[in-house]
Amino acid sequence: MPTGRSITSTSDAGGPTVHAFYESDTGSWQYICADPESRACAIIDPVLDFDTAHARTSTEAAEDLLGCIEREGYAPAWIIDTHPHADHLSAGNWLAERTGAPHLTGETCTDIAALWRDYYHLPEAFPVKGDYDRLLADGERLALGKLDLRVMLSRGHTLGSISLIAGDAAFVHDTLMHVDTGTARADFPGGSTEQLWDSIQEILSLPAETRLFIGHDYGSDDREQPECEATVAAHRAHNPHVGGDQTKEAFIRLRNERDETLGLPDRMLFALQVNLRGGRLPEPEGDGHAYFKIPANRF
């Protein structure tokens, strides 16, 4: 897939302007959601670049977001991670330090942290509350200029995933894939195919014209460019996993069969110990360097 792709989506219904940035190494979409009148914006699911061979982080993707914010004259109000990502490291903490905007995630991230303390054998790690400025409850609203962001708990991909709805835009992270592809996996620890179906049905109950912005795209046999946006109506009609007359039982069978063929993301065991710290690396040890802890033979 091509690198450096960005898309701007505008609203004819008084909704936000959305700038989408594609991070090709992980197939991730990052977003700036902006109130076009006040210029307040939220940064959603920013990526911290990571070289797995050298265990080295860098900030090119996050710097692209800051460049857009500066060009457009936006004022960052919030930095939000929809869940602790398994495929990329979060740049949320790095961006919070540079913009002064609070870094937020869903309050049920604490449930995910409880699982991963055991996998990493770090019983005192991942307090979550101390590593984010605020934890968001289902149904909570955040001011974004003259718009607001509504939080919707969307379990299934993880125990603690949240969607964000602002006017005619919804950021639905790793629930749906692009409309020609289907849905996201639900086989990580704490995931649930049944909960994923229920979450997607709630998303698809939004107004038909709602623009849905997804977390990832890995392309398709018929499409060269990565895509991030389709309407609720398009997903209801054409999504091959949940559209048309698909039943819950058939979806669960299809999704489970598909997940059994998938390997772990190559950054997963690095990423979760960073993302459960709000995008911070592990604390430096006596020599001043941070070290990852990788569980052997657990997966």
C-alpha atoms as a PDB file:
ATOM      1  CA  MET A   1       0.000   0.000   0.000  1.00  0.00           C
ATOM      2  CA  PRO A   2       1.237   3.562  -0.654  1.00  0.00           C
ATOM      3  CA  THR A   3       2.765   5.624   2.107  1.00  0.00           C
ATOM      4  CA  GLY A   4       1.922   9.135   3.181  1.00  0.00           C
ATOM      5  CA  ARG A   5      -1.713   9.087   2.055  1.00  0.00           C
ATOM      6  CA  SER A   6      -3.948  11.701   3.637  1.00  0.00           C
ATOM      7  CA  ILE A   7      -7.619  12.472   3.084  1.00  0.00           C
ATOM      8  CA  THR A   8      -9.780  15.419   4.132  1.00  0.00           C
ATOM      9  CA  SER A   9     -13.514  14.848   4.617  1.00  0.00           C
ATOM     10  CA  THR A  10     -15.897  17.792   5.041  1.00  0.00           C
ATOM     11  CA  SER A  11     -19.517  17.921   6.144  1.00  0.00           C
ATOM     12  CA  ASP A  12     -22.562  19.465   4.501  1.00  0.00           C
ATOM     13  CA  ALA A  13     -24.539  19.002   7.709  1.00  0.00           C
ATOM     14  CA  GLY A  14     -22.600  21.135  10.168  1.00  0.00           C
ATOM     15  CA  GLY A  15     -20.378  18.277  11.260  1.00  0.00           C
ATOM     16  CA  PRO A  16     -16.633  18.236  11.725  1.00  0.00           C
ATOM     17  CA  THR A  17     -13.862  18.450   9.183  1.00  0.00           C
ATOM     18  CA  VAL A  18     -11.878  15.228   9.370  1.00  0.00           C
ATOM     19  CA  HIS A  19      -8.253  14.875   8.308  1.00  0.00           C
ATOM     20  CA  ALA A  20      -7.164  11.241   7.975  1.00  0.00           C
ATOM     21  CA  PHE A  21      -3.517  10.152   7.826  1.00  0.00           C
ATOM     22  CA  TYR A  22      -2.450   6.668   6.785  1.00  0.00           C
ATOM     23  CA  GLU A  23       0.480   4.959   8.529  1.00  0.00           C
ATOM     24  CA  SER A  24       1.490   2.287   6.045  1.00  0.00           C
ATOM     25  CA  ASP A  25       3.727   0.112   8.253  1.00  0.00           C
ATOM     26  CA  THR A  26       0.747  -0.938  10.377  1.00  0.00           C
ATOM     27  CA  GLY A  27      -2.122  -0.073   8.036  1.00  0.00           C
ATOM     28  CA  SER A  28      -3.387   2.393  10.630  1.00  0.00           C
ATOM     29  CA  TRP A  29      -5.557   5.478  10.147  1.00  0.00           C
ATOM     30  CA  GLN A  30      -4.989   8.472  12.434  1.00  0.00           C
ATOM     31  CA  TYR A  31      -7.429  11.350  12.618  1.00  0.00           C
ATOM     32  CA  ILE A  32      -7.776  15.036  13.356  1.00  0.00           C
ATOM     33  CA  CYS A  33     -11.437  15.856  14.014  1.00  0.00           C
ATOM     34  CA  ALA A  34     -11.988  19.627  13.891  1.00  0.00           C
ATOM     35  CA  ASP A  35     -14.828  22.047  14.462  1.00  0.00           C
ATOM     36  CA  PRO A  36     -14.572  24.205  11.303  1.00  0.00           C
ATOM     37  CA  GLU A  37     -15.946  27.270  13.073  1.00  0.00           C
ATOM     38  CA  SER A  38     -13.960  27.417  16.311  1.00  0.00           C
ATOM     39  CA  ARG A  39     -10.906  25.484  14.950  1.00  0.00           C
ATOM     40  CA  ALA A  40     -10.842  23.286  18.060  1.00  0.00           C
ATOM     41  CA  CYS A  41      -9.714  19.764  17.237  1.00  0.00           C
ATOM     42  CA  ALA A  42      -9.275  16.299  18.678  1.00  0.00           C
ATOM     43  CA  ILE A  43      -6.432  13.983  17.692  1.00  0.00           C
ATOM     44  CA  ILE A  44      -7.636  10.383  17.539  1.00  0.00           C
ATOM     45  CA  ASP A  45      -5.451   7.242  17.576  1.00  0.00           C
ATOM     46  CA  PRO A  46      -2.049   8.788  16.740  1.00  0.00           C
ATOM     47  CA  VAL A  47       0.816   6.430  15.843  1.00  0.00           C
ATOM     48  CA  LEU A  48       4.312   6.383  17.302  1.00  0.00           C
ATOM     49  CA  ASP A  49       6.619   4.965  14.625  1.00  0.00           C
ATOM     50  CA  PHE A  50       8.457   1.808  15.680  1.00  0.00           C
ATOM     51  CA  ASP A  51      11.295  -0.113  14.064  1.00  0.00           C
ATOM     52  CA  THR A  52      10.805  -3.662  15.340  1.00  0.00           C
ATOM     53  CA  ALA A  53      14.252  -4.867  14.256  1.00  0.00           C
ATOM     54  CA  HIS A  54      15.973  -2.242  16.403  1.00  0.00           C
ATOM     55  CA  ALA A  55      13.219  -1.660  19.014  1.00  0.00           C
ATOM     56  CA  ARG A  56      13.503   2.037  18.187  1.00  0.00           C
ATOM     57  CA  THR A  57      10.741   4.656  18.287  1.00  0.00           C
ATOM     58  CA  SER A  58      10.451   7.810  16.189  1.00  0.00           C
ATOM     59  CA  THR A  59       7.814  10.479  15.638  1.00  0.00           C
ATOM     60  CA  GLU A  60       7.408  11.081  11.903  1.00  0.00           C
ATOM     61  CA  ALA A  61       3.702  10.150  11.819  1.00  0.00           C
ATOM     62  CA  ALA A  62       2.870  12.309  14.844  1.00  0.00           C
ATOM     63  CA  GLU A  63       4.847  15.207  13.379  1.00  0.00           C
ATOM     64  CA  ASP A  64       2.647  15.004  10.265  1.00  0.00           C
ATOM     65  CA  LEU A  65      -0.388  15.520  12.501  1.00  0.00           C
ATOM     66  CA  LEU A  66       1.206  18.548  14.129  1.00  0.00           C
ATOM     67  CA  GLY A  67       2.045  19.948  10.708  1.00  0.00           C
ATOM     68  CA  CYS A  68      -1.609  19.756   9.655  1.00  0.00           C
ATOM     69  CA  ILE A  69      -2.739  21.379  12.909  1.00  0.00           C
ATOM     70  CA  GLU A  70      -0.320  24.256  12.357  1.00  0.00           C
ATOM     71  CA  ARG A  71      -1.286  24.757   8.689  1.00  0.00           C
ATOM     72  CA  GLU A  72      -5.004  24.753   9.473  1.00  0.00           C
ATOM     73  CA  GLY A  73      -4.720  26.952  12.557  1.00  0.00           C
ATOM     74  CA  TYR A  74      -6.333  24.344  14.800  1.00  0.00           C
ATOM     75  CA  ALA A  75      -6.247  24.360  18.590  1.00  0.00           C
ATOM     76  CA  PRO A  76      -5.843  20.829  20.015  1.00  0.00           C
ATOM     77  CA  ALA A  77      -8.435  20.228  22.727  1.00  0.00           C
ATOM     78  CA  TRP A  78      -8.145  16.469  23.224  1.00  0.00           C
ATOM     79  CA  ILE A  79      -5.910  13.538  22.330  1.00  0.00           C
ATOM     80  CA  ILE A  80      -7.861  10.286  22.442  1.00  0.00           C
ATOM     81  CA  ASP A  81      -6.880   6.648  22.069  1.00  0.00           C
ATOM     82  CA  THR A  82      -9.929   4.519  21.365  1.00  0.00           C
ATOM     83  CA  HIS A  83      -8.269   1.475  22.993  1.00  0.00           C
ATOM     84  CA  PRO A  84      -4.817   0.082  23.817  1.00  0.00           C
ATOM     85  CA  HIS A  85      -3.734  -0.812  20.303  1.00  0.00           C
ATOM     86  CA  ALA A  86      -2.074  -4.153  19.592  1.00  0.00           C
ATOM     87  CA  ASP A  87      -0.604  -3.255  16.202  1.00  0.00           C
ATOM     88  CA  HIS A  88       1.014   0.110  16.818  1.00  0.00           C
ATOM     89  CA  LEU A  89       2.470   2.172  19.631  1.00  0.00           C
ATOM     90  CA  SER A  90       0.503   5.269  20.632  1.00  0.00           C
ATOM     91  CA  ALA A  91       1.950   8.753  20.160  1.00  0.00           C
ATOM     92  CA  GLY A  92      -0.645  10.113  22.594  1.00  0.00           C
ATOM     93  CA  ASN A  93       1.770  10.935  25.396  1.00  0.00           C
ATOM     94  CA  TRP A  94       4.307  12.517  23.013  1.00  0.00           C
ATOM     95  CA  LEU A  95       1.611  14.726  21.492  1.00  0.00           C
ATOM     96  CA  ALA A  96       0.168  15.654  24.895  1.00  0.00           C
ATOM     97  CA  GLU A  97       3.592  16.866  26.004  1.00  0.00           C
ATOM     98  CA  ARG A  98       3.939  19.036  22.909  1.00  0.00           C
ATOM     99  CA  THR A  99       0.426  20.461  22.658  1.00  0.00           C
ATOM    100  CA  GLY A 100      -0.707  20.613  26.293  1.00  0.00           C
ATOM    101  CA  ALA A 101      -3.945  18.838  25.326  1.00  0.00           C
ATOM    102  CA  PRO A 102      -5.182  16.139  27.737  1.00  0.00           C
ATOM    103  CA  HIS A 103      -4.663  12.511  26.716  1.00  0.00           C
ATOM    104  CA  LEU A 104      -7.782  10.363  27.196  1.00  0.00           C
ATOM    105  CA  THR A 105      -9.009   6.812  26.756  1.00  0.00           C
ATOM    106  CA  GLY A 106     -11.997   4.730  27.858  1.00  0.00           C
ATOM    107  CA  GLU A 107     -12.373   3.872  31.525  1.00  0.00           C
ATOM    108  CA  THR A 108     -12.687   0.153  30.731  1.00  0.00           C
ATOM    109  CA  CYS A 109      -9.049   0.227  29.644  1.00  0.00           C
ATOM    110  CA  THR A 110      -8.483  -0.745  33.279  1.00  0.00           C
ATOM    111  CA  ASP A 111     -10.049  -4.139  32.503  1.00  0.00           C
ATOM    112  CA  ILE A 112      -7.539  -4.709  29.705  1.00  0.00           C
ATOM    113  CA  ALA A 113      -4.664  -3.710  31.987  1.00  0.00           C
ATOM    114  CA  ALA A 114      -5.739  -6.340  34.509  1.00  0.00           C
ATOM    115  CA  LEU A 115      -5.401  -9.056  31.859  1.00  0.00           C
ATOM    116  CA  TRP A 116      -2.009  -7.960  30.629  1.00  0.00           C
ATOM    117  CA  ARG A 117      -0.398  -7.616  34.050  1.00  0.00           C
ATOM    118  CA  ASP A 118      -0.540 -11.401  34.144  1.00  0.00           C
ATOM    119  CA  TYR A 119       0.793 -11.938  30.613  1.00  0.00           C
ATOM    120  CA  TYR A 120       3.783  -9.691  31.320  1.00  0.00           C
ATOM    121  CA  HIS A 121       4.142 -10.864  34.936  1.00  0.00           C
ATOM    122  CA  LEU A 122       4.108  -7.232  36.070  1.00  0.00           C
ATOM    123  CA  PRO A 123       1.595  -7.262  38.945  1.00  0.00           C
ATOM    124  CA  GLU A 124       2.156  -3.604  39.854  1.00  0.00           C
ATOM    125  CA  ALA A 125       2.237  -2.230  36.297  1.00  0.00           C
ATOM    126  CA  PHE A 126      -0.310  -0.359  34.199  1.00  0.00           C
ATOM    127  CA  PRO A 127      -2.253   1.735  36.702  1.00  0.00           C
ATOM    128  CA  VAL A 128      -3.968   3.428  33.695  1.00  0.00           C
ATOM    129  CA  LYS A 129      -5.465   6.214  35.828  1.00  0.00           C
ATOM    130  CA  GLY A 130      -2.014   7.596  36.476  1.00  0.00           C
ATOM    131  CA  ASP A 131      -0.971   7.453  32.834  1.00  0.00           C
ATOM    132  CA  TYR A 132      -3.949   9.197  31.234  1.00  0.00           C
ATOM    133  CA  ASP A 133      -5.338  12.622  32.059  1.00  0.00           C
ATOM    134  CA  ARG A 134      -8.916  11.334  32.018  1.00  0.00           C
ATOM    135  CA  LEU A 135     -10.811   8.090  31.554  1.00  0.00           C
ATOM    136  CA  LEU A 136     -14.045   8.297  29.602  1.00  0.00           C
ATOM    137  CA  ALA A 137     -17.328   6.628  30.518  1.00  0.00           C
ATOM    138  CA  ASP A 138     -19.887   5.270  28.069  1.00  0.00           C
ATOM    139  CA  GLY A 139     -22.203   8.138  27.073  1.00  0.00           C
ATOM    140  CA  GLU A 140     -19.854  10.887  28.249  1.00  0.00           C
ATOM    141  CA  ARG A 141     -19.554  14.027  26.112  1.00  0.00           C
ATOM    142  CA  LEU A 142     -16.552  16.229  25.405  1.00  0.00           C
ATOM    143  CA  ALA A 143     -16.804  19.798  24.148  1.00  0.00           C
ATOM    144  CA  LEU A 144     -15.139  20.389  20.789  1.00  0.00           C
ATOM    145  CA  GLY A 145     -15.759  24.031  20.034  1.00  0.00           C
ATOM    146  CA  LYS A 146     -19.432  24.241  19.069  1.00  0.00           C
ATOM    147  CA  LEU A 147     -19.535  20.500  18.488  1.00  0.00           C
ATOM    148  CA  ASP A 148     -19.187  17.709  20.984  1.00  0.00           C
ATOM    149  CA  LEU A 149     -17.774  14.224  21.011  1.00  0.00           C
ATOM    150  CA  ARG A 150     -20.004  11.493  22.419  1.00  0.00           C
ATOM    151  CA  VAL A 151     -18.373   8.366  23.810  1.00  0.00           C
ATOM    152  CA  MET A 152     -19.875   4.987  22.901  1.00  0.00           C
ATOM    153  CA  LEU A 153     -18.486   1.827  24.506  1.00  0.00           C
ATOM    154  CA  SER A 154     -17.816  -0.628  21.655  1.00  0.00           C
ATOM    155  CA  ARG A 155     -16.532  -3.858  23.161  1.00  0.00           C
ATOM    156  CA  GLY A 156     -15.580  -6.872  21.093  1.00  0.00           C
ATOM    157  CA  HIS A 157     -12.218  -6.137  19.528  1.00  0.00           C
ATOM    158  CA  THR A 158     -11.080  -5.470  23.101  1.00  0.00           C
ATOM    159  CA  LEU A 159     -12.761  -5.213  26.495  1.00  0.00           C
ATOM    160  CA  GLY A 160     -12.370  -1.448  26.524  1.00  0.00           C
ATOM    161  CA  SER A 161     -12.758  -0.034  23.011  1.00  0.00           C
ATOM    162  CA  ILE A 162     -14.703   3.198  22.577  1.00  0.00           C
ATOM    163  CA  SER A 163     -16.210   4.846  19.510  1.00  0.00           C
ATOM    164  CA  LEU A 164     -16.496   8.635  19.228  1.00  0.00           C
ATOM    165  CA  ILE A 165     -19.424  10.410  17.558  1.00  0.00           C
ATOM    166  CA  ALA A 166     -19.275  14.073  16.520  1.00  0.00           C
ATOM    167  CA  GLY A 167     -22.196  15.334  14.475  1.00  0.00           C
ATOM    168  CA  ASP A 168     -22.313  13.319  11.248  1.00  0.00           C
ATOM    169  CA  ALA A 169     -18.940  11.653  11.867  1.00  0.00           C
ATOM    170  CA  ALA A 170     -18.132   8.577  13.943  1.00  0.00           C
ATOM    171  CA  PHE A 171     -14.705   7.127  14.672  1.00  0.00           C
ATOM    172  CA  VAL A 172     -15.295   3.403  15.040  1.00  0.00           C
ATOM    173  CA  HIS A 173     -11.684   2.149  15.400  1.00  0.00           C
ATOM    174  CA  ASP A 174     -11.207  -1.619  15.144  1.00  0.00           C
ATOM    175  CA  THR A 175     -14.825  -2.676  14.790  1.00  0.00           C
ATOM    176  CA  LEU A 176     -15.485  -2.282  11.076  1.00  0.00           C
ATOM    177  CA  MET A 177     -12.964  -2.478   8.280  1.00  0.00           C
ATOM    178  CA  HIS A 178     -13.629  -0.679   4.986  1.00  0.00           C
ATOM    179  CA  VAL A 179     -17.033  -1.357   3.490  1.00  0.00           C
ATOM    180  CA  ASP A 180     -15.590  -3.707   0.840  1.00  0.00           C
ATOM    181  CA  THR A 181     -13.638  -5.744   3.413  1.00  0.00           C
ATOM    182  CA  GLY A 182     -15.743  -6.547   6.478  1.00  0.00           C
ATOM    183  CA  THR A 183     -14.939  -6.305  10.175  1.00  0.00           C
ATOM    184  CA  ALA A 184     -11.987  -6.398  12.569  1.00  0.00           C
ATOM    185  CA  ARG A 185     -10.755  -9.375  14.566  1.00  0.00           C
ATOM    186  CA  ALA A 186     -12.039 -10.276  18.031  1.00  0.00           C
ATOM    187  CA  ASP A 187      -9.606 -12.966  19.158  1.00  0.00           C
ATOM    188  CA  PHE A 188      -7.196 -10.969  21.333  1.00  0.00           C
ATOM    189  CA  PRO A 189      -7.350 -11.598  25.109  1.00  0.00           C
ATOM    190  CA  GLY A 190     -10.670 -10.192  26.344  1.00  0.00           C
ATOM    191  CA  GLY A 191     -12.136 -10.013  22.845  1.00  0.00           C
ATOM    192  CA  SER A 192     -15.582 -11.342  21.972  1.00  0.00           C
ATOM    193  CA  THR A 193     -17.120 -11.953  18.561  1.00  0.00           C
ATOM    194  CA  GLU A 194     -20.597 -11.735  20.068  1.00  0.00           C
ATOM    195  CA  GLN A 195     -19.856  -8.380  21.698  1.00  0.00           C
ATOM    196  CA  LEU A 196     -18.297  -7.159  18.458  1.00  0.00           C
ATOM    197  CA  TRP A 197     -21.543  -7.918  16.597  1.00  0.00           C
ATOM    198  CA  ASP A 198     -23.574  -6.068  19.233  1.00  0.00           C
ATOM    199  CA  SER A 199     -21.236  -3.066  19.097  1.00  0.00           C
ATOM    200  CA  ILE A 200     -21.410  -2.930  15.309  1.00  0.00           C
ATOM    201  CA  GLN A 201     -25.197  -3.058  15.398  1.00  0.00           C
ATOM    202  CA  GLU A 202     -25.188  -0.031  17.696  1.00  0.00           C
ATOM    203  CA  ILE A 203     -22.866   1.773  15.299  1.00  0.00           C
ATOM    204  CA  LEU A 204     -25.074   0.863  12.334  1.00  0.00           C
ATOM    205  CA  SER A 205     -28.116   2.256  14.177  1.00  0.00           C
ATOM    206  CA  LEU A 206     -26.664   5.754  13.746  1.00  0.00           C
ATOM    207  CA  PRO A 207     -28.274   7.903  11.011  1.00  0.00           C
ATOM    208  CA  ALA A 208     -27.727   6.486   7.534  1.00  0.00           C
ATOM    209  CA  GLU A 209     -25.658   9.452   6.339  1.00  0.00           C
ATOM    210  CA  THR A 210     -23.181   9.231   9.245  1.00  0.00           C
ATOM    211  CA  ARG A 211     -19.579   9.066   8.021  1.00  0.00           C
ATOM    212  CA  LEU A 212     -17.829   6.094   9.651  1.00  0.00           C
ATOM    213  CA  PHE A 213     -14.048   6.366   9.991  1.00  0.00           C
ATOM    214  CA  ILE A 214     -12.235   3.079  10.608  1.00  0.00           C
ATOM    215  CA  GLY A 215      -8.985   2.247  12.398  1.00  0.00           C
ATOM    216  CA  HIS A 216      -7.232   0.165   9.735  1.00  0.00           C
ATOM    217  CA  ASP A 217      -7.173  -0.707   6.083  1.00  0.00           C
ATOM    218  CA  TYR A 218      -4.949  -3.322   4.471  1.00  0.00           C
ATOM    219  CA  GLY A 219      -6.288  -2.936   0.947  1.00  0.00           C
ATOM    220  CA  SER A 220      -8.114  -5.425  -1.226  1.00  0.00           C
ATOM    221  CA  ASP A 221      -7.666  -7.288  -4.495  1.00  0.00           C
ATOM    222  CA  ASP A 222      -9.742  -4.629  -6.258  1.00  0.00           C
ATOM    223  CA  ARG A 223      -8.300  -1.470  -4.694  1.00  0.00           C
ATOM    224  CA  GLU A 224      -4.805   0.022  -4.737  1.00  0.00           C
ATOM    225  CA  GLN A 225      -5.367   2.965  -2.381  1.00  0.00           C
ATOM    226  CA  PRO A 226      -6.097   2.634   1.353  1.00  0.00           C
ATOM    227  CA  GLU A 227      -9.511   3.986   2.320  1.00  0.00           C
ATOM    228  CA  CYS A 228     -11.001   5.044   5.652  1.00  0.00           C
ATOM    229  CA  GLU A 229     -14.532   6.393   5.157  1.00  0.00           C
ATOM    230  CA  ALA A 230     -17.956   5.032   4.234  1.00  0.00           C
ATOM    231  CA  THR A 231     -21.467   5.846   5.419  1.00  0.00           C
ATOM    232  CA  VAL A 232     -23.661   3.826   7.729  1.00  0.00           C
ATOM    233  CA  ALA A 233     -25.964   3.248   4.753  1.00  0.00           C
ATOM    234  CA  ALA A 234     -23.120   1.803   2.690  1.00  0.00           C
ATOM    235  CA  HIS A 235     -22.090  -0.600   5.465  1.00  0.00           C
ATOM    236  CA  ARG A 236     -25.696  -1.665   6.058  1.00  0.00           C
ATOM    237  CA  ALA A 237     -26.055  -2.493   2.372  1.00  0.00           C
ATOM    238  CA  HIS A 238     -22.648  -3.737   1.282  1.00  0.00           C
ATOM    239  CA  ASN A 239     -20.367  -4.760   4.147  1.00  0.00           C
ATOM    240  CA  PRO A 240     -19.694  -8.469   3.467  1.00  0.00           C
ATOM    241  CA  HIS A 241     -19.671  -9.406   7.169  1.00  0.00           C
ATOM    242  CA  VAL A 242     -22.568  -7.418   8.613  1.00  0.00           C
ATOM    243  CA  GLY A 243     -24.491  -5.926   5.685  1.00  0.00           C
ATOM    244  CA  GLY A 244     -27.642  -7.054   3.958  1.00  0.00           C
ATOM    245  CA  ASP A 245     -29.507  -9.858   5.698  1.00  0.00           C
ATOM    246  CA  GLN A 246     -26.534 -11.205   7.665  1.00  0.00           C
ATOM    247  CA  THR A 247     -27.487 -12.893  10.944  1.00  0.00           C
ATOM    248  CA  LYS A 248     -25.643 -12.751  14.244  1.00  0.00           C
ATOM    249  CA  GLU A 249     -25.077 -16.510  14.219  1.00  0.00           C
ATOM    250  CA  ALA A 250     -23.583 -16.475  10.711  1.00  0.00           C
ATOM    251  CA  PHE A 251     -21.377 -13.515  11.580  1.00  0.00           C
ATOM    252  CA  ILE A 252     -20.016 -15.216  14.701  1.00  0.00           C
ATOM    253  CA  ARG A 253     -19.196 -18.339  12.703  1.00  0.00           C
ATOM    254  CA  LEU A 254     -17.562 -16.358   9.881  1.00  0.00           C
ATOM    255  CA  ARG A 255     -15.556 -14.106  12.221  1.00  0.00           C
ATOM    256  CA  ASN A 256     -14.337 -16.973  14.413  1.00  0.00           C
ATOM    257  CA  GLU A 257     -13.244 -18.994  11.390  1.00  0.00           C
ATOM    258  CA  ARG A 258     -11.389 -16.009   9.994  1.00  0.00           C
ATOM    259  CA  ASP A 259      -9.687 -15.196  13.309  1.00  0.00           C
ATOM    260  CA  GLU A 260      -8.346 -18.733  13.609  1.00  0.00           C
ATOM    261  CA  THR A 261      -6.194 -18.062  10.530  1.00  0.00           C
ATOM    262  CA  LEU A 262      -4.615 -14.824  11.825  1.00  0.00           C
ATOM    263  CA  GLY A 263      -1.249 -14.491  13.498  1.00  0.00           C
ATOM    264  CA  LEU A 264      -0.369 -11.909  16.142  1.00  0.00           C
ATOM    265  CA  PRO A 265       0.594  -8.426  14.936  1.00  0.00           C
ATOM    266  CA  ASP A 266       4.386  -8.220  14.953  1.00  0.00           C
ATOM    267  CA  ARG A 267       4.356  -5.181  17.276  1.00  0.00           C
ATOM    268  CA  MET A 268       1.756  -6.509  19.711  1.00  0.00           C
ATOM    269  CA  LEU A 269       3.951  -7.567  22.632  1.00  0.00           C
ATOM    270  CA  PHE A 270       5.916  -4.331  22.361  1.00  0.00           C
ATOM    271  CA  ALA A 271       2.866  -2.131  21.822  1.00  0.00           C
ATOM    272  CA  LEU A 272       0.618  -3.177  24.676  1.00  0.00           C
ATOM    273  CA  GLN A 273       3.186  -2.539  27.409  1.00  0.00           C
ATOM    274  CA  VAL A 274       3.596   0.985  25.979  1.00  0.00           C
ATOM    275  CA  ASN A 275      -0.065   1.721  25.258  1.00  0.00           C
ATOM    276  CA  LEU A 276      -1.214   0.556  28.692  1.00  0.00           C
ATOM    277  CA  ARG A 277       1.173   3.207  30.007  1.00  0.00           C
ATOM    278  CA  GLY A 278      -0.524   5.892  27.911  1.00  0.00           C
ATOM    279  CA  GLY A 279       2.123   5.783  25.191  1.00  0.00           C
ATOM    280  CA  ARG A 280       5.092   5.848  27.566  1.00  0.00           C
ATOM    281  CA  LEU A 281       8.029   3.488  27.288  1.00  0.00           C
ATOM    282  CA  PRO A 282       8.830   1.345  30.338  1.00  0.00           C
ATOM    283  CA  GLU A 283      10.601   3.264  33.096  1.00  0.00           C
ATOM    284  CA  PRO A 284      14.362   3.585  32.475  1.00  0.00           C
ATOM    285  CA  GLU A 285      16.504   1.238  34.511  1.00  0.00           C
ATOM    286  CA  GLY A 286      19.722   2.033  36.380  1.00  0.00           C
ATOM    287  CA  ASP A 287      21.694   2.594  33.199  1.00  0.00           C
ATOM    288  CA  GLY A 288      19.190   5.173  31.950  1.00  0.00           C
ATOM    289  CA  HIS A 289      17.733   2.940  29.203  1.00  0.00           C
ATOM    290  CA  ALA A 290      14.200   1.576  28.881  1.00  0.00           C
ATOM    291  CA  TYR A 291      13.728  -2.145  28.273  1.00  0.00           C
ATOM    292  CA  PHE A 292      10.793  -4.078  26.852  1.00  0.00           C
ATOM    293  CA  LYS A 293       9.649  -7.228  28.613  1.00  0.00           C
ATOM    294  CA  ILE A 294       8.476  -9.913  26.167  1.00  0.00           C
ATOM    295  CA  PRO A 295       6.691 -13.046  27.452  1.00  0.00           C
ATOM    296  CA  ALA A 296       8.056 -16.270  25.938  1.00  0.00           C
ATOM    297  CA  ASN A 297       5.798 -19.155  24.895  1.00  0.00           C
ATOM    298  CA  ARG A 298       2.608 -17.483  26.075  1.00  0.00           C
ATOM    299  CA  PHE A 299       0.963 -17.101  22.642  1.00  0.00           C
END
